[in-house]
Amino acid sequence: MAIEAVTPELPDTKTIRLKWPEGYDVDFKTGQFITIYWPDTPAYKRAYSLSSCALDRGGYEITIKRDGKMGTRLVDWAKPGDKLGVLPPAGKFLPVYEPNKHLICIAGGSGVTPFRGFAREAARRKLKTRITVLYSVRTTNDIIFNDEFHQLQLDDENFNFYVTCTRLHPEDAWTGRRGRITADWVKEHIHDLPSTVFYACGPNELVEFTKQLVLRSLGVPKAQMKTEKWG
C-alpha cells in the first residue's frame, strides 16, 4: 500500500495513512492491528494498532512513536508515495459496543492510539456505550490526539478523557492530575462494576499493573478485561 499522508502529532510521533489499492475492500473491526514491513526488508515486520476505526474506509491509519528500528525509520523517513507491505487486520482487542456497557480504557504513551478508534466509531454511530480513557503521559507535551479527544468529549456526552502527567516540573502550570495511574483513580470512574469492561494498552508495566488491579483487587472475571502489550 502507498503512504497517502504523514501527519505529525508530536515531535516524535506521526500518523501514517496507508491508501487501499484499487479494488481492495476488507471487512475488519475497530481495535485490530495491521502488520507492516518495508519492501527492501520484508523479513522485519512490526505490528501497529489501527488508530482509525472500521468506519474509516479507503485506508488504514497507524500512529507511531519514534522507537526501535521500525518506529524510527517510519517517523523520520516515511513520506507520501512510499510503499509498505501490509498484512490484513487481526487481533481481538475489540470494543464491546453495548448500550449498558462502560469501557474504561487505560493507556500509557502511544498505547492510547487504538482508543482513538474506539471513541471515533462510538461518536459517529451515536452509541450509548460509555467510554472513559485514563491516559498516563510524562508531560503535557506527550499527549497524543489531545485536541481530537477533547473535541470528541464535547461532541459525545458518553465519552470522557482524563490525563495524568508523571514527570512534570513542580512549577509547571498544568492544573490536571499528576502522578502514575493508581487503583484509587481507576476506582473513581467505576459506576457499575458488572457492566464495566476494562482495556489496558501500552508498556508491560502499565498493563500488568492494570491486570493485578482488575482481576485480583477488584475480582473482575477475565471476560471483562482485554489487554494489548507493547513491550
C-alpha atoms as a PDB file:
ATOM      1  CA  MET A   1       0.000   0.000   0.000  1.00  0.00           C
ATOM      2  CA  ALA A   2       1.152   3.531  -0.744  1.00  0.00           C
ATOM      3  CA  ILE A   3       1.507   6.093   2.029  1.00  0.00           C
ATOM      4  CA  GLU A   4      -1.155   8.708   1.313  1.00  0.00           C
ATOM      5  CA  ALA A   5      -0.372  11.149   4.125  1.00  0.00           C
ATOM      6  CA  VAL A   6       2.006  11.647   7.040  1.00  0.00           C
ATOM      7  CA  THR A   7       0.657  13.838   9.858  1.00  0.00           C
ATOM      8  CA  PRO A   8       2.865  14.995  12.764  1.00  0.00           C
ATOM      9  CA  GLU A   9       1.138  14.524  16.135  1.00  0.00           C
ATOM     10  CA  LEU A  10       4.122  15.280  18.405  1.00  0.00           C
ATOM     11  CA  PRO A  11       7.827  15.890  17.655  1.00  0.00           C
ATOM     12  CA  ASP A  12       8.447  12.126  17.963  1.00  0.00           C
ATOM     13  CA  THR A  13       5.040  10.807  16.829  1.00  0.00           C
ATOM     14  CA  LYS A  14       3.321  10.713  13.427  1.00  0.00           C
ATOM     15  CA  THR A  15       0.129   9.304  11.971  1.00  0.00           C
ATOM     16  CA  ILE A  16       0.593   7.487   8.672  1.00  0.00           C
ATOM     17  CA  ARG A  17      -2.341   6.882   6.364  1.00  0.00           C
ATOM     18  CA  LEU A  18      -1.972   3.922   4.014  1.00  0.00           C
ATOM     19  CA  LYS A  19      -4.206   4.071   0.947  1.00  0.00           C
ATOM     20  CA  TRP A  20      -6.054   0.933  -0.065  1.00  0.00           C
ATOM     21  CA  PRO A  21      -5.192  -0.268  -3.576  1.00  0.00           C
ATOM     22  CA  GLU A  22      -7.800  -0.247  -6.348  1.00  0.00           C
ATOM     23  CA  GLY A  23     -10.488  -2.867  -5.650  1.00  0.00           C
ATOM     24  CA  TYR A  24      -9.368  -3.507  -2.073  1.00  0.00           C
ATOM     25  CA  ASP A  25     -12.203  -3.528   0.463  1.00  0.00           C
ATOM     26  CA  VAL A  26     -11.734  -5.643   3.559  1.00  0.00           C
ATOM     27  CA  ASP A  27     -14.074  -6.256   6.493  1.00  0.00           C
ATOM     28  CA  PHE A  28     -12.250  -5.514   9.750  1.00  0.00           C
ATOM     29  CA  LYS A  29     -13.044  -4.303  13.260  1.00  0.00           C
ATOM     30  CA  THR A  30     -12.098  -1.225  15.262  1.00  0.00           C
ATOM     31  CA  GLY A  31      -9.304  -2.102  17.710  1.00  0.00           C
ATOM     32  CA  GLN A  32      -7.459  -4.506  15.423  1.00  0.00           C
ATOM     33  CA  PHE A  33      -3.844  -4.111  14.275  1.00  0.00           C
ATOM     34  CA  ILE A  34      -2.001  -4.394  10.987  1.00  0.00           C
ATOM     35  CA  THR A  35       1.484  -5.788  10.455  1.00  0.00           C
ATOM     36  CA  ILE A  36       3.739  -3.819   8.121  1.00  0.00           C
ATOM     37  CA  TYR A  37       7.170  -4.092   6.526  1.00  0.00           C
ATOM     38  CA  TRP A  38       9.349  -2.173   4.097  1.00  0.00           C
ATOM     39  CA  PRO A  39       9.705  -3.915   0.708  1.00  0.00           C
ATOM     40  CA  ASP A  40      13.516  -3.779   0.973  1.00  0.00           C
ATOM     41  CA  THR A  41      13.470  -5.665   4.317  1.00  0.00           C
ATOM     42  CA  PRO A  42      10.436  -7.999   4.150  1.00  0.00           C
ATOM     43  CA  ALA A  43      11.671 -10.240   6.971  1.00  0.00           C
ATOM     44  CA  TYR A  44      11.490  -7.403   9.522  1.00  0.00           C
ATOM     45  CA  LYS A  45       7.848  -6.832  10.402  1.00  0.00           C
ATOM     46  CA  ARG A  46       6.121  -4.809  13.111  1.00  0.00           C
ATOM     47  CA  ALA A  47       2.509  -4.756  14.259  1.00  0.00           C
ATOM     48  CA  TYR A  48       0.737  -1.452  14.949  1.00  0.00           C
ATOM     49  CA  SER A  49      -2.748  -0.883  16.301  1.00  0.00           C
ATOM     50  CA  LEU A  50      -5.066   0.960  13.962  1.00  0.00           C
ATOM     51  CA  SER A  51      -5.711   4.481  15.208  1.00  0.00           C
ATOM     52  CA  SER A  52      -8.563   4.829  12.723  1.00  0.00           C
ATOM     53  CA  CYS A  53     -11.845   2.944  13.071  1.00  0.00           C
ATOM     54  CA  ALA A  54     -13.751   0.470  10.911  1.00  0.00           C
ATOM     55  CA  LEU A  55     -15.923   3.291   9.553  1.00  0.00           C
ATOM     56  CA  ASP A  56     -12.832   4.967   8.034  1.00  0.00           C
ATOM     57  CA  ARG A  57     -12.862   3.362   4.603  1.00  0.00           C
ATOM     58  CA  GLY A  58     -10.300   3.711   1.829  1.00  0.00           C
ATOM     59  CA  GLY A  59      -7.232   3.442   4.028  1.00  0.00           C
ATOM     60  CA  TYR A  60      -5.657   2.492   7.337  1.00  0.00           C
ATOM     61  CA  GLU A  61      -4.202   4.903   9.870  1.00  0.00           C
ATOM     62  CA  ILE A  62      -1.471   3.953  12.319  1.00  0.00           C
ATOM     63  CA  THR A  63       0.149   6.320  14.795  1.00  0.00           C
ATOM     64  CA  ILE A  64       3.800   5.642  15.511  1.00  0.00           C
ATOM     65  CA  LYS A  65       6.289   6.860  18.078  1.00  0.00           C
ATOM     66  CA  ARG A  66       9.991   7.107  17.240  1.00  0.00           C
ATOM     67  CA  ASP A  67      11.041   3.863  18.921  1.00  0.00           C
ATOM     68  CA  GLY A  68      13.144   0.942  17.699  1.00  0.00           C
ATOM     69  CA  LYS A  69      14.272   0.354  14.110  1.00  0.00           C
ATOM     70  CA  MET A  70      10.831   0.388  12.506  1.00  0.00           C
ATOM     71  CA  GLY A  71       9.424   3.269  14.525  1.00  0.00           C
ATOM     72  CA  THR A  72      12.493   5.415  13.897  1.00  0.00           C
ATOM     73  CA  ARG A  73      12.506   4.766  10.162  1.00  0.00           C
ATOM     74  CA  LEU A  74       8.764   5.454   9.835  1.00  0.00           C
ATOM     75  CA  VAL A  75       8.784   8.658  11.884  1.00  0.00           C
ATOM     76  CA  ASP A  76      11.984  10.079  10.401  1.00  0.00           C
ATOM     77  CA  TRP A  77      11.820   8.911   6.791  1.00  0.00           C
ATOM     78  CA  ALA A  78       8.336   7.767   5.689  1.00  0.00           C
ATOM     79  CA  LYS A  79       6.747  10.155   3.171  1.00  0.00           C
ATOM     80  CA  PRO A  80       3.727  10.209   0.853  1.00  0.00           C
ATOM     81  CA  GLY A  81       4.258   7.934  -2.115  1.00  0.00           C
ATOM     82  CA  ASP A  82       6.434   5.411  -0.273  1.00  0.00           C
ATOM     83  CA  LYS A  83       5.071   1.875  -0.263  1.00  0.00           C
ATOM     84  CA  LEU A  84       4.793  -0.558   2.638  1.00  0.00           C
ATOM     85  CA  GLY A  85       3.844  -4.213   2.722  1.00  0.00           C
ATOM     86  CA  VAL A  86       0.694  -4.653   4.799  1.00  0.00           C
ATOM     87  CA  LEU A  87      -0.761  -7.842   6.276  1.00  0.00           C
ATOM     88  CA  PRO A  88      -4.555  -7.865   6.839  1.00  0.00           C
ATOM     89  CA  PRO A  89      -6.013  -6.600  10.153  1.00  0.00           C
ATOM     90  CA  ALA A  90      -6.023  -9.071  13.039  1.00  0.00           C
ATOM     91  CA  GLY A  91      -6.450  -9.127  16.804  1.00  0.00           C
ATOM     92  CA  LYS A  92      -9.162  -9.338  19.462  1.00  0.00           C
ATOM     93  CA  PHE A  93      -8.673  -6.028  21.312  1.00  0.00           C
ATOM     94  CA  LEU A  94     -12.199  -5.024  20.337  1.00  0.00           C
ATOM     95  CA  PRO A  95     -14.617  -2.539  21.906  1.00  0.00           C
ATOM     96  CA  VAL A  96     -17.803  -4.013  23.366  1.00  0.00           C
ATOM     97  CA  TYR A  97     -20.372  -1.632  21.927  1.00  0.00           C
ATOM     98  CA  GLU A  98     -23.434  -2.388  24.033  1.00  0.00           C
ATOM     99  CA  PRO A  99     -25.764   0.328  25.419  1.00  0.00           C
ATOM    100  CA  ASN A 100     -25.379  -0.698  29.070  1.00  0.00           C
ATOM    101  CA  LYS A 101     -21.592  -1.133  28.975  1.00  0.00           C
ATOM    102  CA  HIS A 102     -18.926   1.225  30.306  1.00  0.00           C
ATOM    103  CA  LEU A 103     -15.500   0.835  28.716  1.00  0.00           C
ATOM    104  CA  ILE A 104     -12.661   2.029  30.948  1.00  0.00           C
ATOM    105  CA  CYS A 105      -9.601   2.348  28.706  1.00  0.00           C
ATOM    106  CA  ILE A 106      -6.262   2.668  30.491  1.00  0.00           C
ATOM    107  CA  ALA A 107      -3.318   3.794  28.372  1.00  0.00           C
ATOM    108  CA  GLY A 108       0.315   4.808  28.637  1.00  0.00           C
ATOM    109  CA  GLY A 109       2.240   6.707  25.944  1.00  0.00           C
ATOM    110  CA  SER A 110       1.421   5.533  22.428  1.00  0.00           C
ATOM    111  CA  GLY A 111      -0.867   2.881  23.926  1.00  0.00           C
ATOM    112  CA  VAL A 112      -3.671   5.420  23.563  1.00  0.00           C
ATOM    113  CA  THR A 113      -3.789   5.011  19.769  1.00  0.00           C
ATOM    114  CA  PRO A 114      -6.443   2.242  19.496  1.00  0.00           C
ATOM    115  CA  PHE A 115      -8.737   4.173  21.837  1.00  0.00           C
ATOM    116  CA  ARG A 116      -8.972   6.953  19.266  1.00  0.00           C
ATOM    117  CA  GLY A 117     -10.658   4.379  17.022  1.00  0.00           C
ATOM    118  CA  PHE A 118     -12.939   3.238  19.867  1.00  0.00           C
ATOM    119  CA  ALA A 119     -14.124   6.802  20.525  1.00  0.00           C
ATOM    120  CA  ARG A 120     -14.415   7.738  16.844  1.00  0.00           C
ATOM    121  CA  GLU A 121     -16.737   4.878  15.973  1.00  0.00           C
ATOM    122  CA  ALA A 122     -18.905   5.313  19.072  1.00  0.00           C
ATOM    123  CA  ALA A 123     -19.340   9.043  18.376  1.00  0.00           C
ATOM    124  CA  ARG A 124     -20.121   8.618  14.683  1.00  0.00           C
ATOM    125  CA  ARG A 125     -22.667   5.873  15.346  1.00  0.00           C
ATOM    126  CA  LYS A 126     -24.121   7.878  18.255  1.00  0.00           C
ATOM    127  CA  LEU A 127     -23.876   4.840  20.518  1.00  0.00           C
ATOM    128  CA  LYS A 128     -24.991   4.812  24.159  1.00  0.00           C
ATOM    129  CA  THR A 129     -21.884   2.903  25.262  1.00  0.00           C
ATOM    130  CA  ARG A 130     -19.879   4.915  27.804  1.00  0.00           C
ATOM    131  CA  ILE A 131     -16.149   5.220  27.133  1.00  0.00           C
ATOM    132  CA  THR A 132     -13.663   6.637  29.649  1.00  0.00           C
ATOM    133  CA  VAL A 133      -9.985   6.995  28.701  1.00  0.00           C
ATOM    134  CA  LEU A 134      -7.462   7.260  31.561  1.00  0.00           C
ATOM    135  CA  TYR A 135      -4.171   8.294  29.969  1.00  0.00           C
ATOM    136  CA  SER A 136      -0.718   8.438  31.562  1.00  0.00           C
ATOM    137  CA  VAL A 137       1.993  10.582  29.932  1.00  0.00           C
ATOM    138  CA  ARG A 138       5.285  12.072  31.079  1.00  0.00           C
ATOM    139  CA  THR A 139       4.448  15.724  30.392  1.00  0.00           C
ATOM    140  CA  THR A 140       1.766  17.771  28.656  1.00  0.00           C
ATOM    141  CA  ASN A 141       3.967  17.711  25.535  1.00  0.00           C
ATOM    142  CA  ASP A 142       3.416  13.932  25.272  1.00  0.00           C
ATOM    143  CA  ILE A 143      -0.386  13.887  24.932  1.00  0.00           C
ATOM    144  CA  ILE A 144      -1.233  12.235  21.602  1.00  0.00           C
ATOM    145  CA  PHE A 145      -4.546  13.299  19.983  1.00  0.00           C
ATOM    146  CA  ASN A 146      -5.136  15.884  22.719  1.00  0.00           C
ATOM    147  CA  ASP A 147      -7.269  18.179  20.548  1.00  0.00           C
ATOM    148  CA  GLU A 148      -9.252  15.361  18.925  1.00  0.00           C
ATOM    149  CA  PHE A 149     -10.048  13.685  22.244  1.00  0.00           C
ATOM    150  CA  HIS A 150     -11.212  16.958  23.765  1.00  0.00           C
ATOM    151  CA  GLN A 151     -13.404  17.636  20.722  1.00  0.00           C
ATOM    152  CA  LEU A 152     -14.871  14.131  20.967  1.00  0.00           C
ATOM    153  CA  GLN A 153     -15.611  14.824  24.614  1.00  0.00           C
ATOM    154  CA  LEU A 154     -17.580  17.924  23.576  1.00  0.00           C
ATOM    155  CA  ASP A 155     -19.413  16.090  20.788  1.00  0.00           C
ATOM    156  CA  ASP A 156     -20.253  12.879  22.669  1.00  0.00           C
ATOM    157  CA  GLU A 157     -21.741  13.015  26.158  1.00  0.00           C
ATOM    158  CA  ASN A 158     -20.817   9.357  26.694  1.00  0.00           C
ATOM    159  CA  PHE A 159     -17.077   9.924  26.160  1.00  0.00           C
ATOM    160  CA  ASN A 160     -14.650  11.176  28.814  1.00  0.00           C
ATOM    161  CA  PHE A 161     -10.906  11.785  28.560  1.00  0.00           C
ATOM    162  CA  TYR A 162      -8.627  12.195  31.586  1.00  0.00           C
ATOM    163  CA  VAL A 163      -4.848  12.694  31.624  1.00  0.00           C
ATOM    164  CA  THR A 164      -2.291  12.272  34.387  1.00  0.00           C
ATOM    165  CA  CYS A 165       1.303  13.541  33.986  1.00  0.00           C
ATOM    166  CA  THR A 166       4.138  11.671  35.699  1.00  0.00           C
ATOM    167  CA  ARG A 167       7.211  13.868  35.120  1.00  0.00           C
ATOM    168  CA  LEU A 168       6.114  17.493  35.201  1.00  0.00           C
ATOM    169  CA  HIS A 169       8.288  20.151  36.765  1.00  0.00           C
ATOM    170  CA  PRO A 170       6.777  21.208  40.126  1.00  0.00           C
ATOM    171  CA  GLU A 171       6.301  24.746  38.807  1.00  0.00           C
ATOM    172  CA  ASP A 172       4.529  23.680  35.615  1.00  0.00           C
ATOM    173  CA  ALA A 173       1.196  25.459  35.062  1.00  0.00           C
ATOM    174  CA  TRP A 174      -0.683  22.160  34.458  1.00  0.00           C
ATOM    175  CA  THR A 175      -3.766  22.078  36.700  1.00  0.00           C
ATOM    176  CA  GLY A 176      -4.722  18.483  35.972  1.00  0.00           C
ATOM    177  CA  ARG A 177      -3.758  15.285  37.724  1.00  0.00           C
ATOM    178  CA  ARG A 178      -0.128  14.359  38.417  1.00  0.00           C
ATOM    179  CA  GLY A 179       1.489  11.016  39.171  1.00  0.00           C
ATOM    180  CA  ARG A 180       1.042   7.474  37.918  1.00  0.00           C
ATOM    181  CA  ILE A 181      -2.263   5.746  37.350  1.00  0.00           C
ATOM    182  CA  THR A 182      -3.385   4.368  40.720  1.00  0.00           C
ATOM    183  CA  ALA A 183      -6.016   1.926  41.883  1.00  0.00           C
ATOM    184  CA  ASP A 184      -7.918   4.715  43.603  1.00  0.00           C
ATOM    185  CA  TRP A 185      -8.020   6.824  40.432  1.00  0.00           C
ATOM    186  CA  VAL A 186      -9.381   3.920  38.393  1.00  0.00           C
ATOM    187  CA  LYS A 187     -11.973   3.119  41.069  1.00  0.00           C
ATOM    188  CA  GLU A 188     -13.233   6.725  40.973  1.00  0.00           C
ATOM    189  CA  HIS A 189     -14.531   6.092  37.460  1.00  0.00           C
ATOM    190  CA  ILE A 190     -16.285   2.773  38.108  1.00  0.00           C
ATOM    191  CA  HIS A 191     -20.032   3.256  38.498  1.00  0.00           C
ATOM    192  CA  ASP A 192     -21.366  -0.272  37.930  1.00  0.00           C
ATOM    193  CA  LEU A 193     -18.653  -2.926  38.126  1.00  0.00           C
ATOM    194  CA  PRO A 194     -20.588  -5.814  36.491  1.00  0.00           C
ATOM    195  CA  SER A 195     -21.253  -3.705  33.371  1.00  0.00           C
ATOM    196  CA  THR A 196     -17.680  -2.346  33.131  1.00  0.00           C
ATOM    197  CA  VAL A 197     -15.202  -3.698  30.582  1.00  0.00           C
ATOM    198  CA  PHE A 198     -11.557  -2.803  31.222  1.00  0.00           C
ATOM    199  CA  TYR A 199      -8.959  -2.244  28.498  1.00  0.00           C
ATOM    200  CA  ALA A 200      -5.229  -1.686  29.038  1.00  0.00           C
ATOM    201  CA  CYS A 201      -2.782  -0.801  26.281  1.00  0.00           C
ATOM    202  CA  GLY A 202       0.811   0.345  26.488  1.00  0.00           C
ATOM    203  CA  PRO A 203       4.036  -0.640  28.245  1.00  0.00           C
ATOM    204  CA  ASN A 204       4.226  -4.020  30.009  1.00  0.00           C
ATOM    205  CA  GLU A 205       4.428  -2.378  33.422  1.00  0.00           C
ATOM    206  CA  LEU A 206       1.163  -0.497  32.959  1.00  0.00           C
ATOM    207  CA  VAL A 207      -0.669  -3.498  31.540  1.00  0.00           C
ATOM    208  CA  GLU A 208       0.491  -5.782  34.358  1.00  0.00           C
ATOM    209  CA  PHE A 209      -0.497  -3.197  36.984  1.00  0.00           C
ATOM    210  CA  THR A 210      -3.968  -2.949  35.461  1.00  0.00           C
ATOM    211  CA  LYS A 211      -4.371  -6.727  35.337  1.00  0.00           C
ATOM    212  CA  GLN A 212      -3.453  -7.020  39.017  1.00  0.00           C
ATOM    213  CA  LEU A 213      -5.910  -4.269  39.924  1.00  0.00           C
ATOM    214  CA  VAL A 214      -8.827  -5.505  37.846  1.00  0.00           C
ATOM    215  CA  LEU A 215      -8.526  -9.273  38.164  1.00  0.00           C
ATOM    216  CA  ARG A 216      -7.187  -9.554  41.720  1.00  0.00           C
ATOM    217  CA  SER A 217      -8.066  -6.438  43.699  1.00  0.00           C
ATOM    218  CA  LEU A 218     -11.489  -5.911  42.127  1.00  0.00           C
ATOM    219  CA  GLY A 219     -12.153  -9.593  41.476  1.00  0.00           C
ATOM    220  CA  VAL A 220     -13.410  -8.931  37.952  1.00  0.00           C
ATOM    221  CA  PRO A 221     -13.794 -12.001  35.682  1.00  0.00           C
ATOM    222  CA  LYS A 222     -11.244 -12.310  32.860  1.00  0.00           C
ATOM    223  CA  ALA A 223     -14.033 -11.874  30.321  1.00  0.00           C
ATOM    224  CA  GLN A 224     -14.340  -8.229  31.436  1.00  0.00           C
ATOM    225  CA  MET A 225     -10.717  -7.362  30.645  1.00  0.00           C
ATOM    226  CA  LYS A 226      -8.768  -7.010  27.404  1.00  0.00           C
ATOM    227  CA  THR A 227      -5.071  -6.141  27.136  1.00  0.00           C
ATOM    228  CA  GLU A 228      -2.545  -5.189  24.478  1.00  0.00           C
ATOM    229  CA  LYS A 229       1.145  -5.130  25.496  1.00  0.00           C
ATOM    230  CA  TRP A 230       3.645  -3.028  23.558  1.00  0.00           C
ATOM    231  CA  GLY A 231       6.917  -4.260  25.042  1.00  0.00           C
END
